[in-house]
Every structure is written in C-alpha cells, then in structure tokens.
Protein backbone atom coordinates (compact mmCIF):
# COMPACT_ATOMS: atom_id res chain seq x y z
CA MET A 1 91.65 78.75 122.57
CA SER A 2 92.41 82.37 124.58
CA VAL A 3 93.96 82.09 127.61
CA ARG A 4 94.16 84.90 130.47
CA PRO A 5 96.44 85.63 132.69
CA PRO A 6 94.87 85.13 136.45
CA SER A 7 93.05 88.31 138.05
CA VAL A 8 93.77 89.65 141.35
CA ARG A 9 91.18 92.49 141.27
CA HIS A 10 88.66 90.40 139.46
CA PRO A 11 89.20 86.98 140.28
CA HIS A 12 86.48 84.50 138.67
CA SER A 13 87.46 81.20 139.10
CA PHE A 14 88.55 78.80 141.15
CA TYR A 15 91.83 78.76 138.78
CA ASP A 16 92.33 82.75 139.66
CA VAL A 17 92.53 81.66 143.19
CA PHE A 18 94.87 78.47 142.71
CA SER A 19 97.20 80.52 140.69
CA VAL A 20 97.38 82.92 143.15
CA VAL A 21 98.20 81.08 145.95
CA ALA A 22 100.71 78.78 144.08
CA ALA A 23 102.57 81.67 143.34
CA ALA A 24 102.13 83.05 146.65
CA VAL A 25 103.96 79.32 147.97
CA ALA A 26 106.45 79.38 144.95
CA ILE A 27 107.80 82.95 146.08
CA MET A 28 107.56 81.85 149.59
CA ALA A 29 109.65 78.77 149.25
CA LEU A 30 111.87 80.78 147.24
CA VAL A 31 112.60 83.39 149.67
CA LEU A 32 112.94 80.85 152.51
CA ALA A 33 115.42 78.90 150.68
CA VAL A 34 117.82 81.79 149.84
CA ARG A 35 117.41 83.77 153.04
CA TYR A 36 116.46 81.98 156.58
CA GLY A 37 116.25 84.75 159.86
CA SER A 38 113.63 85.20 162.18
CA VAL A 39 112.49 88.62 160.77
CA ILE A 40 112.43 86.74 157.25
CA ARG A 41 110.08 83.87 158.54
CA LEU A 42 107.72 86.98 160.61
CA GLU A 43 107.86 88.54 156.97
CA MET A 44 106.64 85.03 155.36
CA VAL A 45 103.64 84.78 157.87
CA VAL A 46 102.44 88.36 157.24
CA PHE A 47 102.77 87.48 153.75
CA MET A 48 100.66 84.59 153.85
CA ALA A 49 98.28 86.03 156.05
CA ALA A 50 97.78 88.64 153.18
CA VAL A 51 97.46 86.03 150.98
CA PHE A 52 95.18 84.26 153.05
CA LEU A 53 92.69 87.16 153.61
CA TRP A 54 93.00 87.76 149.61
CA VAL A 55 91.49 84.02 149.23
CA GLY A 56 88.74 84.21 151.55
CA TRP A 57 87.68 87.76 150.03
CA ALA A 58 87.97 86.34 146.52
CA ILE A 59 86.17 83.11 147.67
CA GLU A 60 83.21 85.49 148.44
CA ARG A 61 83.36 87.68 145.22
CA ILE A 62 82.94 84.59 142.94
CA LEU A 63 80.01 83.43 145.05
CA ALA A 64 78.36 86.28 144.60
CA GLU A 65 78.63 87.06 141.63
CA SER A 66 77.71 83.27 140.69
CA GLU A 67 75.18 83.89 142.70
CA ALA A 68 73.76 87.36 141.17
CA ARG A 69 73.94 85.53 137.74
CA SER A 70 71.64 82.70 138.99
CA LYS A 71 69.26 85.03 140.30
CA ARG A 72 69.23 86.71 137.03
CA ARG A 73 69.00 83.63 134.93
CA ARG A 74 66.09 82.90 137.05
CA GLN A 75 64.23 86.10 136.64
CA THR A 76 63.98 85.82 133.07
CA PRO A 77 61.87 83.25 130.88
CA PRO A 78 63.62 80.90 128.83
CA TRP A 79 61.56 82.20 126.11
CA LYS A 80 62.59 85.66 126.06
C-alpha cells in the first residue's frame, strides 16, 4: 500500500484538506503556547483566515474535478 503526502497545490481528497487543516491548527496551538501577545494573536487570525480561504478553494477544486470525471463517464458508453 502506497501512502502519498497531502498535496497543497493539487488537493485530491478530503484527507488532503483535513491533514492541512490539522497541521495548521497544530502550528497555531504551538505558537500560541510559546508566545501569547496581541500581535501574535492577530497573526494567528490572519493565518487561520488564509487557511480557511485555502480550504474553500480546495473543496471547490475537488468538487469540480469530481464533476468533470462524472461527465466524462456519462459521455462514454460502457461498452467502449
């Protein structure tokens, strides 16, 4: 069984999105555990906003690829 690392540029599945979000939350928790100030909190808000935007883009991309695959399957007859 081959295991591929999560892809940030070309996400293919829920596991890519989940692993990136889990890593982002872990990084945020680690940074806030070490340093906790108003500037750091603001940076973490900006960081999580960027992650949130990436998640929206990644889900949209995954769904678009799935729709394109589904359309290709419907166009080709099963006997070919």
